[in-house]
Amino acid sequence: MPRLIPVRRPDFIRTMRKLGFVGPLPGTKHQTMMKGERVFAVPNPHRSDIGIDLLRRILNEAGVTVEEWSRALHS
């Protein structure tokens, strides 16, 4: 099973687009990305990477498995 590693926000967005998500779209406090009925908040840009715990929660909310994420990240 692939392991998650921290990821930069631009790489996160690029990878989610590879998985078929649209966005980031404007939101109230956070931008969002969507695919069909699945909508999730994109972390605001900060100086640090998106950590493993937050990445795992976002992927779960988006319905993306770690395997799908890993394949898209490295393709």
PDB file of N, CA and C in Angstrom:
ATOM      1  N   MET A   1       0.836  -1.174   0.000  1.00  0.00           N
ATOM      2  CA  MET A   1       0.000   0.000   0.000  1.00  0.00           C
ATOM      3  C   MET A   1       0.888   1.247   0.000  1.00  0.00           C
ATOM      4  N   PRO A   2       0.630   2.195  -0.892  1.00  0.00           N
ATOM      5  CA  PRO A   2       1.429   3.418  -0.939  1.00  0.00           C
ATOM      6  C   PRO A   2       1.250   4.240   0.329  1.00  0.00           C
ATOM      7  N   ARG A   3       2.277   4.980   0.667  1.00  0.00           N
ATOM      8  CA  ARG A   3       2.227   5.847   1.838  1.00  0.00           C
ATOM      9  C   ARG A   3       1.981   7.281   1.398  1.00  0.00           C
ATOM     10  N   LEU A   4       1.259   8.017   2.220  1.00  0.00           N
ATOM     11  CA  LEU A   4       1.047   9.436   1.956  1.00  0.00           C
ATOM     12  C   LEU A   4       2.250  10.226   2.446  1.00  0.00           C
ATOM     13  N   ILE A   5       2.557  11.287   1.729  1.00  0.00           N
ATOM     14  CA  ILE A   5       3.603  12.213   2.134  1.00  0.00           C
ATOM     15  C   ILE A   5       3.026  13.625   2.053  1.00  0.00           C
ATOM     16  N   PRO A   6       3.565  14.574   2.817  1.00  0.00           N
ATOM     17  CA  PRO A   6       3.092  15.957   2.708  1.00  0.00           C
ATOM     18  C   PRO A   6       3.224  16.443   1.265  1.00  0.00           C
ATOM     19  N   VAL A   7       2.315  17.326   0.858  1.00  0.00           N
ATOM     20  CA  VAL A   7       2.284  17.787  -0.529  1.00  0.00           C
ATOM     21  C   VAL A   7       2.060  19.294  -0.566  1.00  0.00           C
ATOM     22  N   ARG A   8       2.674  19.947  -1.523  1.00  0.00           N
ATOM     23  CA  ARG A   8       2.459  21.385  -1.724  1.00  0.00           C
ATOM     24  C   ARG A   8       1.073  21.614  -2.306  1.00  0.00           C
ATOM     25  N   ARG A   9       0.473  22.754  -1.999  1.00  0.00           N
ATOM     26  CA  ARG A   9      -0.885  23.067  -2.459  1.00  0.00           C
ATOM     27  C   ARG A   9      -1.008  23.002  -3.983  1.00  0.00           C
ATOM     28  N   PRO A  10      -0.062  23.591  -4.761  1.00  0.00           N
ATOM     29  CA  PRO A  10      -0.200  23.495  -6.224  1.00  0.00           C
ATOM     30  C   PRO A  10      -0.162  22.047  -6.733  1.00  0.00           C
ATOM     31  N   ASP A  11       0.669  21.205  -6.097  1.00  0.00           N
ATOM     32  CA  ASP A  11       0.724  19.795  -6.489  1.00  0.00           C
ATOM     33  C   ASP A  11      -0.567  19.072  -6.113  1.00  0.00           C
ATOM     34  N   PHE A  12      -1.137  19.440  -4.974  1.00  0.00           N
ATOM     35  CA  PHE A  12      -2.415  18.863  -4.550  1.00  0.00           C
ATOM     36  C   PHE A  12      -3.497  19.186  -5.576  1.00  0.00           C
ATOM     37  N   ILE A  13      -3.591  20.450  -5.969  1.00  0.00           N
ATOM     38  CA  ILE A  13      -4.617  20.878  -6.925  1.00  0.00           C
ATOM     39  C   ILE A  13      -4.407  20.193  -8.270  1.00  0.00           C
ATOM     40  N   ARG A  14      -3.183  20.140  -8.740  1.00  0.00           N
ATOM     41  CA  ARG A  14      -2.870  19.501 -10.027  1.00  0.00           C
ATOM     42  C   ARG A  14      -3.272  18.025 -10.005  1.00  0.00           C
ATOM     43  N   THR A  15      -2.968  17.347  -8.900  1.00  0.00           N
ATOM     44  CA  THR A  15      -3.288  15.920  -8.795  1.00  0.00           C
ATOM     45  C   THR A  15      -4.794  15.693  -8.725  1.00  0.00           C
ATOM     46  N   MET A  16      -5.505  16.532  -7.997  1.00  0.00           N
ATOM     47  CA  MET A  16      -6.966  16.383  -7.927  1.00  0.00           C
ATOM     48  C   MET A  16      -7.597  16.633  -9.296  1.00  0.00           C
ATOM     49  N   ARG A  17      -7.038  17.539 -10.069  1.00  0.00           N
ATOM     50  CA  ARG A  17      -7.547  17.761 -11.430  1.00  0.00           C
ATOM     51  C   ARG A  17      -7.316  16.533 -12.297  1.00  0.00           C
ATOM     52  N   LYS A  18      -6.172  15.866 -12.121  1.00  0.00           N
ATOM     53  CA  LYS A  18      -5.910  14.627 -12.856  1.00  0.00           C
ATOM     54  C   LYS A  18      -6.962  13.568 -12.519  1.00  0.00           C
ATOM     55  N   LEU A  19      -7.472  13.623 -11.285  1.00  0.00           N
ATOM     56  CA  LEU A  19      -8.482  12.664 -10.834  1.00  0.00           C
ATOM     57  C   LEU A  19      -9.889  13.072 -11.238  1.00  0.00           C
ATOM     58  N   GLY A  20     -10.021  14.179 -11.990  1.00  0.00           N
ATOM     59  CA  GLY A  20     -11.312  14.571 -12.528  1.00  0.00           C
ATOM     60  C   GLY A  20     -12.039  15.656 -11.761  1.00  0.00           C
ATOM     61  N   PHE A  21     -11.404  16.231 -10.747  1.00  0.00           N
ATOM     62  CA  PHE A  21     -12.040  17.292  -9.980  1.00  0.00           C
ATOM     63  C   PHE A  21     -11.861  18.623 -10.686  1.00  0.00           C
ATOM     64  N   VAL A  22     -12.815  19.530 -10.477  1.00  0.00           N
ATOM     65  CA  VAL A  22     -12.818  20.859 -11.079  1.00  0.00           C
ATOM     66  C   VAL A  22     -12.546  21.867  -9.972  1.00  0.00           C
ATOM     67  N   GLY A  23     -11.771  22.876 -10.290  1.00  0.00           N
ATOM     68  CA  GLY A  23     -11.537  23.934  -9.316  1.00  0.00           C
ATOM     69  C   GLY A  23     -10.069  24.273  -9.228  1.00  0.00           C
ATOM     70  N   PRO A  24      -9.741  25.058  -8.262  1.00  0.00           N
ATOM     71  CA  PRO A  24     -10.527  25.524  -7.144  1.00  0.00           C
ATOM     72  C   PRO A  24     -11.535  26.597  -7.536  1.00  0.00           C
ATOM     73  N   LEU A  25     -12.701  26.487  -6.915  1.00  0.00           N
ATOM     74  CA  LEU A  25     -13.803  27.412  -7.132  1.00  0.00           C
ATOM     75  C   LEU A  25     -13.929  28.314  -5.913  1.00  0.00           C
ATOM     76  N   PRO A  26     -14.414  29.546  -6.101  1.00  0.00           N
ATOM     77  CA  PRO A  26     -14.528  30.437  -4.942  1.00  0.00           C
ATOM     78  C   PRO A  26     -15.523  29.899  -3.923  1.00  0.00           C
ATOM     79  N   GLY A  27     -15.195  30.119  -2.669  1.00  0.00           N
ATOM     80  CA  GLY A  27     -16.083  29.723  -1.580  1.00  0.00           C
ATOM     81  C   GLY A  27     -16.157  30.853  -0.582  1.00  0.00           C
ATOM     82  N   THR A  28     -16.736  30.589   0.564  1.00  0.00           N
ATOM     83  CA  THR A  28     -16.855  31.649   1.562  1.00  0.00           C
ATOM     84  C   THR A  28     -15.539  31.846   2.307  1.00  0.00           C
ATOM     85  N   LYS A  29     -15.068  30.816   2.995  1.00  0.00           N
ATOM     86  CA  LYS A  29     -13.800  30.917   3.710  1.00  0.00           C
ATOM     87  C   LYS A  29     -12.676  30.187   2.990  1.00  0.00           C
ATOM     88  N   HIS A  30     -13.022  29.142   2.262  1.00  0.00           N
ATOM     89  CA  HIS A  30     -12.040  28.346   1.527  1.00  0.00           C
ATOM     90  C   HIS A  30     -12.528  28.164   0.101  1.00  0.00           C
ATOM     91  N   GLN A  31     -11.585  27.959  -0.802  1.00  0.00           N
ATOM     92  CA  GLN A  31     -11.952  27.564  -2.156  1.00  0.00           C
ATOM     93  C   GLN A  31     -12.402  26.110  -2.084  1.00  0.00           C
ATOM     94  N   THR A  32     -13.166  25.680  -3.083  1.00  0.00           N
ATOM     95  CA  THR A  32     -13.639  24.304  -3.123  1.00  0.00           C
ATOM     96  C   THR A  32     -13.258  23.658  -4.445  1.00  0.00           C
ATOM     97  N   MET A  33     -13.282  22.338  -4.454  1.00  0.00           N
ATOM     98  CA  MET A  33     -13.138  21.561  -5.678  1.00  0.00           C
ATOM     99  C   MET A  33     -14.315  20.599  -5.701  1.00  0.00           C
ATOM    100  N   MET A  34     -14.712  20.215  -6.914  1.00  0.00           N
ATOM    101  CA  MET A  34     -15.866  19.321  -7.002  1.00  0.00           C
ATOM    102  C   MET A  34     -15.736  18.356  -8.169  1.00  0.00           C
ATOM    103  N   LYS A  35     -16.458  17.245  -8.021  1.00  0.00           N
ATOM    104  CA  LYS A  35     -16.581  16.226  -9.062  1.00  0.00           C
ATOM    105  C   LYS A  35     -17.939  15.586  -8.831  1.00  0.00           C
ATOM    106  N   GLY A  36     -18.872  15.876  -9.712  1.00  0.00           N
ATOM    107  CA  GLY A  36     -20.234  15.380  -9.518  1.00  0.00           C
ATOM    108  C   GLY A  36     -20.818  15.971  -8.254  1.00  0.00           C
ATOM    109  N   GLU A  37     -21.275  15.115  -7.354  1.00  0.00           N
ATOM    110  CA  GLU A  37     -21.858  15.559  -6.091  1.00  0.00           C
ATOM    111  C   GLU A  37     -20.813  15.768  -4.993  1.00  0.00           C
ATOM    112  N   ARG A  38     -19.593  15.337  -5.246  1.00  0.00           N
ATOM    113  CA  ARG A  38     -18.521  15.453  -4.248  1.00  0.00           C
ATOM    114  C   ARG A  38     -17.949  16.866  -4.260  1.00  0.00           C
ATOM    115  N   VAL A  39     -17.995  17.527  -3.121  1.00  0.00           N
ATOM    116  CA  VAL A  39     -17.437  18.869  -2.976  1.00  0.00           C
ATOM    117  C   VAL A  39     -16.623  18.887  -1.687  1.00  0.00           C
ATOM    118  N   PHE A  40     -15.434  19.473  -1.738  1.00  0.00           N
ATOM    119  CA  PHE A  40     -14.621  19.578  -0.536  1.00  0.00           C
ATOM    120  C   PHE A  40     -13.852  20.893  -0.554  1.00  0.00           C
ATOM    121  N   ALA A  41     -13.468  21.346   0.630  1.00  0.00           N
ATOM    122  CA  ALA A  41     -12.716  22.592   0.775  1.00  0.00           C
ATOM    123  C   ALA A  41     -11.241  22.337   0.500  1.00  0.00           C
ATOM    124  N   VAL A  42     -10.631  23.273  -0.211  1.00  0.00           N
ATOM    125  CA  VAL A  42      -9.199  23.221  -0.487  1.00  0.00           C
ATOM    126  C   VAL A  42      -8.502  24.063   0.580  1.00  0.00           C
ATOM    127  N   PRO A  43      -7.457  23.533   1.212  1.00  0.00           N
ATOM    128  CA  PRO A  43      -6.759  24.325   2.224  1.00  0.00           C
ATOM    129  C   PRO A  43      -6.247  25.641   1.639  1.00  0.00           C
ATOM    130  N   ASN A  44      -6.320  26.684   2.462  1.00  0.00           N
ATOM    131  CA  ASN A  44      -5.810  27.977   2.039  1.00  0.00           C
ATOM    132  C   ASN A  44      -4.300  27.916   1.852  1.00  0.00           C
ATOM    133  N   PRO A  45      -3.774  28.754   0.955  1.00  0.00           N
ATOM    134  CA  PRO A  45      -2.322  28.725   0.738  1.00  0.00           C
ATOM    135  C   PRO A  45      -1.576  29.241   1.973  1.00  0.00           C
ATOM    136  N   HIS A  46      -0.644  28.459   2.426  1.00  0.00           N
ATOM    137  CA  HIS A  46       0.231  28.826   3.533  1.00  0.00           C
ATOM    138  C   HIS A  46       1.653  28.501   3.111  1.00  0.00           C
ATOM    139  N   ARG A  47       2.564  28.794   3.949  1.00  0.00           N
ATOM    140  CA  ARG A  47       3.963  28.529   3.611  1.00  0.00           C
ATOM    141  C   ARG A  47       4.314  27.053   3.713  1.00  0.00           C
ATOM    142  N   SER A  48       3.559  26.305   4.495  1.00  0.00           N
ATOM    143  CA  SER A  48       3.894  24.899   4.696  1.00  0.00           C
ATOM    144  C   SER A  48       3.079  23.987   3.777  1.00  0.00           C
ATOM    145  N   ASP A  49       3.521  22.759   3.691  1.00  0.00           N
ATOM    146  CA  ASP A  49       2.833  21.746   2.887  1.00  0.00           C
ATOM    147  C   ASP A  49       1.539  21.311   3.569  1.00  0.00           C
ATOM    148  N   ILE A  50       0.682  20.634   2.793  1.00  0.00           N
ATOM    149  CA  ILE A  50      -0.512  19.997   3.344  1.00  0.00           C
ATOM    150  C   ILE A  50      -0.022  18.714   4.013  1.00  0.00           C
ATOM    151  N   GLY A  51      -0.246  18.598   5.306  1.00  0.00           N
ATOM    152  CA  GLY A  51       0.247  17.461   6.076  1.00  0.00           C
ATOM    153  C   GLY A  51      -0.513  16.174   5.780  1.00  0.00           C
ATOM    154  N   ILE A  52       0.036  15.093   6.260  1.00  0.00           N
ATOM    155  CA  ILE A  52      -0.521  13.765   5.999  1.00  0.00           C
ATOM    156  C   ILE A  52      -1.923  13.622   6.583  1.00  0.00           C
ATOM    157  N   ASP A  53      -2.135  14.075   7.818  1.00  0.00           N
ATOM    158  CA  ASP A  53      -3.457  13.925   8.447  1.00  0.00           C
ATOM    159  C   ASP A  53      -4.528  14.694   7.688  1.00  0.00           C
ATOM    160  N   LEU A  54      -4.232  15.940   7.335  1.00  0.00           N
ATOM    161  CA  LEU A  54      -5.200  16.750   6.586  1.00  0.00           C
ATOM    162  C   LEU A  54      -5.428  16.152   5.199  1.00  0.00           C
ATOM    163  N   LEU A  55      -4.360  15.718   4.546  1.00  0.00           N
ATOM    164  CA  LEU A  55      -4.484  15.103   3.225  1.00  0.00           C
ATOM    165  C   LEU A  55      -5.375  13.870   3.283  1.00  0.00           C
ATOM    166  N   ARG A  56      -5.191  13.038   4.307  1.00  0.00           N
ATOM    167  CA  ARG A  56      -6.004  11.825   4.462  1.00  0.00           C
ATOM    168  C   ARG A  56      -7.489  12.189   4.636  1.00  0.00           C
ATOM    169  N   ARG A  57      -7.785  13.222   5.439  1.00  0.00           N
ATOM    170  CA  ARG A  57      -9.177  13.645   5.644  1.00  0.00           C
ATOM    171  C   ARG A  57      -9.795  14.181   4.357  1.00  0.00           C
ATOM    172  N   ILE A  58      -9.024  14.968   3.593  1.00  0.00           N
ATOM    173  CA  ILE A  58      -9.539  15.517   2.338  1.00  0.00           C
ATOM    174  C   ILE A  58      -9.805  14.402   1.334  1.00  0.00           C
ATOM    175  N   LEU A  59      -8.876  13.480   1.205  1.00  0.00           N
ATOM    176  CA  LEU A  59      -9.061  12.373   0.265  1.00  0.00           C
ATOM    177  C   LEU A  59     -10.280  11.544   0.643  1.00  0.00           C
ATOM    178  N   ASN A  60     -10.481  11.311   1.924  1.00  0.00           N
ATOM    179  CA  ASN A  60     -11.650  10.567   2.387  1.00  0.00           C
ATOM    180  C   ASN A  60     -12.934  11.309   2.027  1.00  0.00           C
ATOM    181  N   GLU A  61     -12.953  12.608   2.265  1.00  0.00           N
ATOM    182  CA  GLU A  61     -14.131  13.417   1.940  1.00  0.00           C
ATOM    183  C   GLU A  61     -14.397  13.437   0.434  1.00  0.00           C
ATOM    184  N   ALA A  62     -13.311  13.412  -0.362  1.00  0.00           N
ATOM    185  CA  ALA A  62     -13.448  13.444  -1.815  1.00  0.00           C
ATOM    186  C   ALA A  62     -13.730  12.065  -2.402  1.00  0.00           C
ATOM    187  N   GLY A  63     -13.627  11.019  -1.584  1.00  0.00           N
ATOM    188  CA  GLY A  63     -13.871   9.666  -2.077  1.00  0.00           C
ATOM    189  C   GLY A  63     -12.718   9.120  -2.912  1.00  0.00           C
ATOM    190  N   VAL A  64     -11.509   9.572  -2.618  1.00  0.00           N
ATOM    191  CA  VAL A  64     -10.312   9.145  -3.359  1.00  0.00           C
ATOM    192  C   VAL A  64      -9.495   8.231  -2.457  1.00  0.00           C
ATOM    193  N   THR A  65      -9.095   7.073  -2.972  1.00  0.00           N
ATOM    194  CA  THR A  65      -8.269   6.165  -2.187  1.00  0.00           C
ATOM    195  C   THR A  65      -6.816   6.605  -2.243  1.00  0.00           C
ATOM    196  N   VAL A  66      -6.038   6.112  -1.295  1.00  0.00           N
ATOM    197  CA  VAL A  66      -4.605   6.423  -1.264  1.00  0.00           C
ATOM    198  C   VAL A  66      -3.937   5.887  -2.533  1.00  0.00           C
ATOM    199  N   GLU A  67      -4.377   4.731  -3.011  1.00  0.00           N
ATOM    200  CA  GLU A  67      -3.803   4.153  -4.230  1.00  0.00           C
ATOM    201  C   GLU A  67      -4.082   5.041  -5.437  1.00  0.00           C
ATOM    202  N   GLU A  68      -5.334   5.513  -5.574  1.00  0.00           N
ATOM    203  CA  GLU A  68      -5.679   6.409  -6.688  1.00  0.00           C
ATOM    204  C   GLU A  68      -4.857   7.690  -6.616  1.00  0.00           C
ATOM    205  N   TRP A  69      -4.745   8.253  -5.415  1.00  0.00           N
ATOM    206  CA  TRP A  69      -3.979   9.478  -5.201  1.00  0.00           C
ATOM    207  C   TRP A  69      -2.519   9.282  -5.613  1.00  0.00           C
ATOM    208  N   SER A  70      -1.937   8.189  -5.147  1.00  0.00           N
ATOM    209  CA  SER A  70      -0.528   7.923  -5.421  1.00  0.00           C
ATOM    210  C   SER A  70      -0.268   7.762  -6.918  1.00  0.00           C
ATOM    211  N   ARG A  71      -1.142   7.025  -7.597  1.00  0.00           N
ATOM    212  CA  ARG A  71      -0.977   6.850  -9.055  1.00  0.00           C
ATOM    213  C   ARG A  71      -1.071   8.196  -9.777  1.00  0.00           C
ATOM    214  N   ALA A  72      -2.041   9.009  -9.405  1.00  0.00           N
ATOM    215  CA  ALA A  72      -2.222  10.310 -10.079  1.00  0.00           C
ATOM    216  C   ALA A  72      -1.075  11.260  -9.745  1.00  0.00           C
ATOM    217  N   LEU A  73      -0.592  11.229  -8.517  1.00  0.00           N
ATOM    218  CA  LEU A  73       0.503  12.115  -8.105  1.00  0.00           C
ATOM    219  C   LEU A  73       1.774  11.824  -8.882  1.00  0.00           C
ATOM    220  N   HIS A  74       2.024  10.551  -9.143  1.00  0.00           N
ATOM    221  CA  HIS A  74       3.271  10.159  -9.795  1.00  0.00           C
ATOM    222  C   HIS A  74       3.139   9.933 -11.296  1.00  0.00           C
ATOM    223  N   SER A  75       2.003  10.297 -11.873  1.00  0.00           N
ATOM    224  CA  SER A  75       1.852  10.105 -13.316  1.00  0.00           C
ATOM    225  C   SER A  75       2.122  11.384 -14.075  1.00  0.00           C
TER     226      SER A  75
END
